[in-house]
Amino acid sequence: MFDLARSSFRLALRRLARQPGFSATVILTLALSIGAATSVFSYVNALLLRPFPFRAAESLVEIRTVRGGEMGKLSMREVLDLQERIPILESVAAHTGSAGGYNFSGDGKPMEWKAILSTGNLFEVLGVPLALGNRWISNADLKRDFRVILTYEIWQRVFGGRTDVIGKTITLDYAPGYEIVGVASRGLDFRRGVEVFRSIGGFTNYEIRSGRNVVAVARIRAGHAGEELQQHLEGFSARMASEFPDTNRGMAFRASSFRQIYSGDVRPYLIILFGAVALLMLIACVNTANLLLARALANSRELSIRLALGESRGSVISQFAMESVVLALLAGAIGWRLATWWMQLLRNMIGLELPAWMTIDMDARVLVFAVTSALFTSLASAVAPAWHAIRSEQYADSLKSGGRGVSGDRVANRIRAGLITAQVAFGGSSRMWGRFADSCF
């Protein structure tokens, strides 16, 4: 079996090398479509498919207030109310929402660290254990506190990954006495670009409902869903407005999943764009099938003689399949290179600011997609010419006519007509899809 495949592969290479113009046209046609589809899929993979680095990330939500259509923050008192009054919430943490700058004065050149203030249970709610040390105790969140947790990257870059960093005091914003109590796990980038976590103690008042300056992060209990939580939040909003009309009248509470927070705005556009490149790939398959069919028609007499001499139809089909696979693999290699370049170009043009775990790159999943796309296009392109080539009536007509009039064969004409119809249909669909995408943007 291996020897047969190897000989078929060598034969396919020789046949394709004898027609460099034809081979280059097919390879370029497929490479452009595979490259476009792969580059777009790299975005779909990063923003919609790649799992988040949190335990059961689908159970995590961010809760904010809504008043007059404007999203806002919560007070710490409301965060505690959420934990106490909504039974399907397993745990709730709070943080300041955006990162502020802290000047770090170390032994070397001064640098600025981006920091957020959070409750000590943030890491338990996220389901991400610390790499080193422990979080500060809950009481530290009630009053001004100077304990901090470093990100793994800062720990490595500034402190060389030394384990004796725990308990070390550092100077931030020219104020000494900040104590390092822990190091976050590798790759934790919550929120985006944060380099140090500090206790929220002293920043917010736990009793003043009007002091809304934090965002809630909550974990839903197993067996419950985000839709159910939103129903609870609607009832919670009504109770808060009734009990505290001075601060909560006209205010609602809304939960958003992490996937929605990080990629919700671009999701519909990515789906539309991916649909467009899928149609482009189908058009490329049809064009390639037309080229292969024309080539099969030109070689009909040769194939007829080979079959008359005893070559099996299976051998003929395997030849077409092998040639298509060789073309597609070469196209896939070029398409992969094009996809890498286009991906970088789009990334620079769009300028998306994404957390570390959503980095747009060509990972294993994208590679599998590219290889699968190449094999799919090869097999899809080979179906029509292979079907035509094994028609026994065709070979008999070819031998009788001496090779003339083959292009008028009824079966071949029907196949070509079908391919042209499909090409026109896919082209019309792609234009309609493009107009729809333009309207969305």
Protein backbone atom coordinates (compact mmCIF):
# COMPACT_ATOMS: atom_id res chain seq x y z
CA MET A 1 0.00 0.00 0.00
CA PHE A 2 2.80 2.39 0.90
CA ASP A 3 4.73 1.56 -2.29
CA LEU A 4 1.58 2.13 -4.37
CA ALA A 5 0.98 5.51 -2.74
CA ARG A 6 4.60 6.49 -3.24
CA SER A 7 4.55 5.54 -6.93
CA SER A 8 1.26 7.41 -7.39
CA PHE A 9 2.77 10.45 -5.72
CA ARG A 10 5.82 10.38 -8.00
CA LEU A 11 3.63 9.93 -11.09
CA ALA A 12 1.47 12.86 -10.01
CA LEU A 13 4.54 15.06 -9.60
CA ARG A 14 5.84 14.13 -13.06
CA ARG A 15 2.48 14.77 -14.73
CA LEU A 16 2.07 18.13 -13.03
CA ALA A 17 5.66 19.13 -13.85
CA ARG A 18 4.94 18.54 -17.56
CA GLN A 19 2.24 21.24 -17.40
CA PRO A 20 3.74 24.03 -15.27
CA GLY A 21 1.28 26.69 -16.45
CA PHE A 22 -1.74 24.58 -15.52
CA SER A 23 -0.22 23.56 -12.19
CA ALA A 24 0.72 27.14 -11.26
CA THR A 25 -2.79 28.38 -12.07
CA VAL A 26 -4.46 25.74 -9.91
CA ILE A 27 -1.99 26.20 -7.04
CA LEU A 28 -2.38 29.98 -7.04
CA THR A 29 -6.19 29.75 -7.18
CA LEU A 30 -6.31 27.40 -4.21
CA ALA A 31 -3.53 29.18 -2.28
CA LEU A 32 -5.37 32.50 -2.34
CA SER A 33 -8.59 30.96 -1.02
CA ILE A 34 -6.86 28.82 1.62
CA GLY A 35 -4.75 31.78 2.76
CA ALA A 36 -7.78 34.06 3.08
CA ALA A 37 -9.82 31.45 4.96
CA THR A 38 -6.93 30.57 7.29
CA SER A 39 -6.13 34.19 8.16
CA VAL A 40 -9.77 34.87 9.04
CA PHE A 41 -9.99 31.61 10.99
CA SER A 42 -7.02 32.71 13.11
CA TYR A 43 -9.25 35.55 14.37
CA VAL A 44 -12.25 33.25 14.84
CA ASN A 45 -10.02 30.87 16.78
CA ALA A 46 -8.55 33.54 19.06
CA LEU A 47 -11.76 35.47 19.75
CA LEU A 48 -14.49 32.84 19.62
CA LEU A 49 -13.02 29.35 20.10
CA ARG A 50 -9.91 29.40 22.26
CA PRO A 51 -10.78 28.59 25.89
CA PHE A 52 -10.15 31.17 28.60
CA PRO A 53 -7.54 30.38 31.30
CA PHE A 54 -10.15 30.28 34.07
CA ARG A 55 -11.83 27.31 35.72
CA ALA A 56 -15.26 26.75 34.13
CA ALA A 57 -15.04 30.13 32.37
CA GLU A 58 -18.59 29.73 31.04
CA SER A 59 -19.81 30.22 34.63
CA LEU A 60 -18.06 33.57 35.05
CA VAL A 61 -19.91 36.85 34.54
CA GLU A 62 -19.25 40.52 35.04
CA ILE A 63 -22.07 42.48 36.67
CA ARG A 64 -22.58 46.20 36.13
CA THR A 65 -25.38 48.70 36.63
CA VAL A 66 -27.46 50.22 33.83
CA ARG A 67 -29.30 53.53 34.07
CA GLY A 68 -30.64 55.46 31.12
CA GLY A 69 -28.92 53.05 28.74
CA GLU A 70 -25.51 53.84 30.22
CA MET A 71 -23.38 51.12 31.79
CA GLY A 72 -21.97 51.95 35.20
CA LYS A 73 -20.30 50.51 38.27
CA LEU A 74 -21.58 49.22 41.59
CA SER A 75 -21.00 50.16 45.20
CA MET A 76 -19.32 47.65 47.49
CA ARG A 77 -22.55 47.48 49.49
CA GLU A 78 -24.35 46.31 46.34
CA VAL A 79 -21.64 43.72 45.72
CA LEU A 80 -22.33 42.29 49.16
CA ASP A 81 -26.08 42.40 48.46
CA LEU A 82 -25.56 40.34 45.31
CA GLN A 83 -23.74 37.67 47.31
CA GLU A 84 -26.35 37.64 50.04
CA ARG A 85 -29.56 37.88 48.00
CA ILE A 86 -28.98 35.88 44.81
CA PRO A 87 -28.72 32.18 45.71
CA ILE A 88 -27.42 30.95 42.35
CA LEU A 89 -24.21 32.98 42.75
CA GLU A 90 -21.46 30.85 44.19
CA SER A 91 -19.10 33.75 44.93
CA VAL A 92 -18.64 37.42 44.07
CA ALA A 93 -15.48 39.54 43.90
CA ALA A 94 -14.92 43.19 43.05
CA HIS A 95 -12.25 45.25 41.35
CA THR A 96 -11.84 48.81 40.15
CA GLY A 97 -12.46 47.95 36.50
CA SER A 98 -9.61 49.85 34.91
CA ALA A 99 -5.87 49.82 35.46
CA GLY A 100 -4.04 52.75 36.97
CA GLY A 101 -0.32 53.45 36.95
CA TYR A 102 2.00 52.90 39.90
CA ASN A 103 5.61 54.03 39.75
CA PHE A 104 7.94 51.26 40.95
CA SER A 105 11.24 52.37 42.41
CA GLY A 106 13.54 49.36 42.48
CA ASP A 107 17.26 48.89 42.31
CA GLY A 108 17.35 49.74 38.62
CA LYS A 109 15.55 52.13 36.28
CA PRO A 110 12.15 53.36 37.55
CA MET A 111 9.19 51.85 35.73
CA GLU A 112 5.43 52.14 35.73
CA TRP A 113 3.26 49.18 36.66
CA LYS A 114 -0.37 48.96 35.67
CA ALA A 115 -2.44 47.98 38.67
CA ILE A 116 -6.03 47.34 39.71
CA LEU A 117 -7.44 47.23 43.20
CA SER A 118 -9.46 44.13 44.00
CA THR A 119 -10.92 42.09 46.79
CA GLY A 120 -8.75 39.25 48.00
CA ASN A 121 -11.12 36.56 46.73
CA LEU A 122 -10.77 37.60 43.08
CA PHE A 123 -8.46 34.68 42.29
CA GLU A 124 -10.80 32.13 43.91
CA VAL A 125 -13.76 33.50 41.92
CA LEU A 126 -11.76 33.33 38.68
CA GLY A 127 -10.65 29.81 39.58
CA VAL A 128 -6.97 30.60 39.06
CA PRO A 129 -4.66 29.58 41.95
CA LEU A 130 -1.63 31.67 42.75
CA ALA A 131 1.74 30.44 41.53
CA LEU A 132 3.41 31.52 44.75
CA GLY A 133 2.29 32.79 48.14
CA ASN A 134 -1.25 33.55 49.30
CA ARG A 135 -3.81 36.25 48.80
CA TRP A 136 -4.47 38.81 51.48
CA ILE A 137 -7.15 38.00 54.02
CA SER A 138 -10.68 39.39 53.59
CA ASN A 139 -10.29 41.82 56.49
CA ALA A 140 -7.60 43.61 54.50
CA ASP A 141 -10.30 44.81 52.10
CA LEU A 142 -12.08 46.77 54.83
CA LYS A 143 -9.41 49.38 55.45
CA ARG A 144 -6.39 50.82 53.71
CA ASP A 145 -3.92 48.00 53.12
CA PHE A 146 -0.52 47.76 51.44
CA ARG A 147 -0.40 44.13 50.35
CA VAL A 148 0.07 43.37 46.64
CA ILE A 149 0.17 40.38 44.31
CA LEU A 150 2.49 40.49 41.30
CA THR A 151 1.79 39.00 37.90
CA TYR A 152 4.00 36.09 36.88
CA GLU A 153 5.62 38.16 34.14
CA ILE A 154 6.63 41.00 36.50
CA TRP A 155 7.93 38.44 38.99
CA GLN A 156 10.16 36.92 36.31
CA ARG A 157 11.25 40.14 34.62
CA VAL A 158 11.90 42.33 37.66
CA PHE A 159 12.67 39.83 40.42
CA GLY A 160 14.20 37.02 38.37
CA GLY A 161 11.64 34.48 39.58
CA ARG A 162 13.16 34.34 43.09
CA THR A 163 10.94 32.61 45.64
CA ASP A 164 12.21 34.84 48.46
CA VAL A 165 10.21 37.71 46.97
CA ILE A 166 7.28 36.74 49.20
CA GLY A 167 7.27 39.07 52.21
CA LYS A 168 9.57 41.55 50.49
CA THR A 169 8.57 45.22 50.79
CA ILE A 170 8.74 47.53 47.79
CA THR A 171 8.15 51.20 47.01
CA LEU A 172 5.22 52.24 44.81
CA ASP A 173 4.54 55.87 43.90
CA TYR A 174 7.45 56.80 46.18
CA ALA A 175 5.63 55.30 49.18
CA PRO A 176 7.58 52.50 50.89
CA GLY A 177 6.05 49.59 52.74
CA TYR A 178 4.05 47.73 50.06
CA GLU A 179 4.34 44.02 50.86
CA ILE A 180 4.43 41.31 48.18
CA VAL A 181 2.25 38.46 49.42
CA GLY A 182 1.79 36.42 46.24
CA VAL A 183 2.50 35.84 42.56
CA ALA A 184 -0.31 35.21 40.06
CA SER A 185 -0.24 32.22 37.72
CA ARG A 186 1.58 32.40 34.39
CA GLY A 187 -0.35 34.19 31.64
CA LEU A 188 -3.04 35.66 33.90
CA ASP A 189 -3.85 38.98 32.25
CA PHE A 190 -6.92 40.15 34.15
CA ARG A 191 -7.79 42.69 33.36
CA ARG A 192 -5.86 43.39 30.19
CA GLY A 193 -2.35 44.68 30.79
CA VAL A 194 -2.48 44.53 34.61
CA GLU A 195 0.90 43.92 36.27
CA VAL A 196 0.09 44.16 39.98
CA PHE A 197 -3.01 43.56 42.12
CA ARG A 198 -3.52 45.62 45.25
CA SER A 199 -6.05 45.34 48.06
CA ILE A 200 -9.15 47.44 47.52
CA GLY A 201 -9.14 48.41 51.20
CA GLY A 202 -9.42 52.18 51.71
CA PHE A 203 -10.53 52.81 48.13
CA THR A 204 -14.24 52.13 48.60
CA ASN A 205 -16.74 52.40 51.44
CA TYR A 206 -18.68 49.26 52.25
CA GLU A 207 -21.72 51.11 53.59
CA ILE A 208 -22.33 54.01 51.20
CA ARG A 209 -24.62 52.85 48.37
CA SER A 210 -24.09 55.92 46.25
CA GLY A 211 -20.33 55.40 46.05
CA ARG A 212 -20.29 53.26 42.91
CA ASN A 213 -16.68 52.68 41.89
CA VAL A 214 -16.25 48.90 41.46
CA VAL A 215 -17.17 46.15 39.02
CA ALA A 216 -18.45 42.78 40.24
CA VAL A 217 -17.08 39.45 39.01
CA ALA A 218 -19.31 36.52 39.92
CA ARG A 219 -19.34 32.77 39.47
CA ILE A 220 -22.67 31.07 38.81
CA ARG A 221 -23.34 27.85 40.67
CA ALA A 222 -23.15 24.62 38.69
CA GLY A 223 -26.47 23.70 37.09
CA HIS A 224 -27.51 27.31 36.48
CA ALA A 225 -27.08 29.52 33.43
CA GLY A 226 -26.57 33.17 32.59
CA GLU A 227 -30.18 33.61 31.45
CA GLU A 228 -31.41 32.43 34.84
CA LEU A 229 -29.03 34.81 36.58
CA GLN A 230 -30.38 37.72 34.55
CA GLN A 231 -33.90 36.88 35.68
CA HIS A 232 -32.69 36.96 39.29
CA LEU A 233 -30.98 40.29 38.63
CA GLU A 234 -34.22 41.79 37.32
CA GLY A 235 -35.96 40.87 40.55
CA PHE A 236 -32.96 42.10 42.53
CA SER A 237 -33.08 45.46 40.69
CA ALA A 238 -36.77 45.88 41.54
CA ARG A 239 -36.16 45.13 45.22
CA MET A 240 -33.22 47.53 45.41
CA ALA A 241 -35.27 50.30 43.78
CA SER A 242 -38.10 49.68 46.22
CA GLU A 243 -35.94 49.54 49.34
CA PHE A 244 -33.49 52.30 48.39
CA PRO A 245 -35.30 54.67 46.02
CA ASP A 246 -32.85 57.53 46.62
CA THR A 247 -29.92 55.59 45.16
CA ASN A 248 -31.46 52.81 43.04
CA ARG A 249 -34.58 54.23 41.36
CA GLY A 250 -34.40 53.54 37.59
CA MET A 251 -31.30 51.41 37.96
CA ALA A 252 -30.93 47.85 36.68
CA PHE A 253 -28.20 45.25 37.10
CA ARG A 254 -26.90 43.37 34.07
CA ALA A 255 -24.64 40.34 33.76
CA SER A 256 -22.34 39.74 30.80
CA SER A 257 -20.42 36.54 30.12
CA PHE A 258 -16.66 36.76 29.76
CA ARG A 259 -16.89 35.68 26.13
CA GLN A 260 -19.35 38.49 25.47
CA ILE A 261 -17.13 41.01 27.25
CA TYR A 262 -13.98 40.16 25.34
CA SER A 263 -15.35 39.31 21.89
CA GLY A 264 -19.07 40.14 21.83
CA ASP A 265 -18.69 43.29 19.73
CA VAL A 266 -16.73 41.60 16.95
CA ARG A 267 -18.53 38.24 16.92
CA PRO A 268 -21.16 39.06 14.23
CA TYR A 269 -18.56 40.65 11.96
CA LEU A 270 -16.23 37.66 12.27
CA ILE A 271 -19.05 35.24 11.43
CA ILE A 272 -20.00 37.30 8.37
CA LEU A 273 -16.39 37.56 7.23
CA PHE A 274 -15.79 33.85 7.74
CA GLY A 275 -18.93 33.06 5.72
CA ALA A 276 -17.62 35.25 2.91
CA VAL A 277 -14.24 33.49 2.75
CA ALA A 278 -16.01 30.11 2.89
CA LEU A 279 -17.90 31.10 -0.26
CA LEU A 280 -14.60 32.23 -1.77
CA MET A 281 -13.17 28.79 -1.08
CA LEU A 282 -16.16 27.11 -2.75
CA ILE A 283 -15.68 29.33 -5.81
CA ALA A 284 -12.01 28.34 -5.90
CA CYS A 285 -13.04 24.66 -5.75
CA VAL A 286 -15.41 25.14 -8.69
CA ASN A 287 -12.77 26.98 -10.72
CA THR A 288 -10.22 24.26 -9.99
CA ALA A 289 -12.72 21.54 -10.88
CA ASN A 290 -13.33 23.28 -14.22
CA LEU A 291 -9.59 23.35 -14.91
CA LEU A 292 -9.14 19.69 -13.96
CA LEU A 293 -12.17 18.70 -16.04
CA ALA A 294 -10.79 20.53 -19.08
CA ARG A 295 -7.49 18.72 -18.56
CA ALA A 296 -9.28 15.37 -18.26
CA LEU A 297 -11.14 16.03 -21.51
CA ALA A 298 -7.88 16.84 -23.26
CA ASN A 299 -6.40 13.53 -22.03
CA SER A 300 -9.50 11.39 -22.63
CA ARG A 301 -7.93 9.29 -25.39
CA GLU A 302 -4.87 8.54 -23.25
CA LEU A 303 -7.09 7.43 -20.37
CA SER A 304 -9.22 5.34 -22.74
CA ILE A 305 -6.18 3.44 -23.98
CA ARG A 306 -4.95 2.85 -20.44
CA LEU A 307 -8.32 1.40 -19.43
CA ALA A 308 -8.48 -0.69 -22.60
CA LEU A 309 -5.08 -2.14 -21.72
CA GLY A 310 -6.43 -3.31 -18.37
CA GLU A 311 -5.76 -0.47 -15.94
CA SER A 312 -8.44 -0.43 -13.26
CA ARG A 313 -10.86 2.43 -12.72
CA GLY A 314 -9.67 2.59 -9.14
CA SER A 315 -6.19 3.36 -10.39
CA VAL A 316 -7.54 6.17 -12.56
CA ILE A 317 -9.47 7.64 -9.65
CA SER A 318 -6.46 7.39 -7.34
CA GLN A 319 -4.36 9.21 -9.94
CA PHE A 320 -6.81 12.11 -10.06
CA ALA A 321 -7.04 12.14 -6.28
CA MET A 322 -3.28 12.07 -5.83
CA GLU A 323 -2.73 14.89 -8.31
CA SER A 324 -5.38 16.94 -6.52
CA VAL A 325 -3.80 16.23 -3.15
CA VAL A 326 -0.35 17.27 -4.42
CA LEU A 327 -1.78 20.48 -5.86
CA ALA A 328 -3.69 21.22 -2.67
CA LEU A 329 -0.72 20.54 -0.37
CA LEU A 330 1.49 22.84 -2.41
CA ALA A 331 -1.30 25.42 -2.40
CA GLY A 332 -1.75 24.89 1.33
CA ALA A 333 1.93 25.59 2.00
CA ILE A 334 1.77 28.83 0.01
CA GLY A 335 -1.62 29.67 1.55
CA TRP A 336 -0.19 29.21 5.04
CA ARG A 337 2.54 31.72 4.28
CA LEU A 338 -0.01 34.14 2.81
CA ALA A 339 -2.26 33.66 5.84
CA THR A 340 0.61 34.48 8.22
CA TRP A 341 1.35 37.68 6.34
CA TRP A 342 -2.33 38.70 6.01
CA MET A 343 -2.97 37.94 9.69
CA GLN A 344 -0.13 40.24 10.76
CA LEU A 345 -1.30 42.92 8.32
CA LEU A 346 -4.88 42.79 9.66
CA ARG A 347 -3.65 42.81 13.24
CA ASN A 348 -1.60 45.95 12.60
CA MET A 349 -4.42 47.65 10.70
CA ILE A 350 -7.17 46.87 13.22
CA GLY A 351 -5.02 47.40 16.29
CA LEU A 352 -7.05 45.18 18.63
CA GLU A 353 -6.06 45.36 22.28
CA LEU A 354 -6.51 41.84 23.60
CA PRO A 355 -5.50 40.02 26.77
CA ALA A 356 -2.60 37.60 26.57
CA TRP A 357 -4.80 34.50 26.30
CA MET A 358 -6.54 35.89 23.19
CA THR A 359 -3.40 36.55 21.17
CA ILE A 360 -4.06 36.14 17.46
CA ASP A 361 -1.50 33.68 16.13
CA MET A 362 -1.13 30.56 14.00
CA ASP A 363 -1.49 27.85 16.62
CA ALA A 364 -2.15 24.11 16.25
CA ARG A 365 -5.90 24.58 15.72
CA VAL A 366 -5.26 27.02 12.85
CA LEU A 367 -2.74 24.60 11.33
CA VAL A 368 -5.29 21.78 11.44
CA PHE A 369 -7.82 24.08 9.78
CA ALA A 370 -5.36 24.95 7.00
CA VAL A 371 -4.50 21.29 6.32
CA THR A 372 -8.16 20.30 6.40
CA SER A 373 -9.04 23.13 4.03
CA ALA A 374 -6.33 22.01 1.62
CA LEU A 375 -7.53 18.39 1.65
CA PHE A 376 -11.17 19.45 1.32
CA THR A 377 -10.44 21.62 -1.70
CA SER A 378 -8.38 18.85 -3.30
CA LEU A 379 -11.10 16.22 -2.94
CA ALA A 380 -13.90 18.59 -3.89
CA SER A 381 -12.01 19.68 -7.00
CA ALA A 382 -11.27 16.11 -8.10
CA VAL A 383 -14.84 14.76 -7.96
CA ALA A 384 -16.08 16.09 -11.31
CA PRO A 385 -13.07 15.12 -13.49
CA ALA A 386 -12.79 11.72 -11.80
CA TRP A 387 -16.48 10.99 -12.39
CA HIS A 388 -16.14 11.97 -16.03
CA ALA A 389 -12.95 9.98 -16.50
CA ILE A 390 -14.39 6.63 -15.39
CA ARG A 391 -17.49 6.74 -17.62
CA SER A 392 -17.14 3.66 -19.77
CA GLU A 393 -19.29 5.19 -22.53
CA GLN A 394 -16.88 8.11 -22.71
CA TYR A 395 -13.87 5.90 -23.36
CA ALA A 396 -15.68 3.92 -26.02
CA ASP A 397 -16.71 7.13 -27.80
CA SER A 398 -13.20 8.47 -27.49
CA LEU A 399 -11.62 5.44 -29.13
CA LYS A 400 -14.22 5.36 -31.92
CA SER A 401 -13.83 9.03 -32.71
CA GLY A 402 -10.06 8.97 -32.62
CA GLY A 403 -10.05 11.71 -30.01
CA ARG A 404 -12.31 14.13 -31.91
CA GLY A 405 -15.53 15.50 -30.54
CA VAL A 406 -14.85 14.45 -26.99
CA SER A 407 -15.62 17.91 -25.68
CA GLY A 408 -19.14 17.52 -26.93
CA ASP A 409 -19.84 14.51 -24.72
CA ARG A 410 -23.22 14.97 -23.07
CA VAL A 411 -22.04 13.94 -19.60
CA ALA A 412 -19.07 16.27 -19.74
CA ASN A 413 -21.24 19.12 -20.93
CA ARG A 414 -23.70 18.55 -18.09
CA ILE A 415 -20.85 18.51 -15.56
CA ARG A 416 -19.37 21.71 -16.92
CA ALA A 417 -22.78 23.37 -17.02
CA GLY A 418 -23.33 22.40 -13.40
CA LEU A 419 -19.94 23.78 -12.41
CA ILE A 420 -20.59 27.06 -14.20
CA THR A 421 -24.02 27.35 -12.57
CA ALA A 422 -22.47 26.71 -9.16
CA GLN A 423 -19.78 29.29 -9.83
CA VAL A 424 -22.34 31.93 -10.79
CA ALA A 425 -24.47 31.07 -7.76
CA PHE A 426 -21.53 31.24 -5.36
CA GLY A 427 -20.36 34.47 -6.94
CA GLY A 428 -23.79 36.04 -6.52
CA SER A 429 -23.97 34.82 -2.94
CA SER A 430 -20.55 36.24 -2.12
CA ARG A 431 -21.53 39.65 -3.53
CA MET A 432 -24.76 39.59 -1.53
CA TRP A 433 -22.81 38.52 1.58
CA GLY A 434 -20.34 41.34 0.97
CA ARG A 435 -23.13 43.95 0.69
CA PHE A 436 -24.64 42.61 3.91
CA ALA A 437 -21.27 42.87 5.66
CA ASP A 438 -20.83 46.46 4.39
CA SER A 439 -24.23 47.38 5.78
CA CYS A 440 -23.30 45.89 9.16
CA PHE A 441 -20.07 47.86 9.32
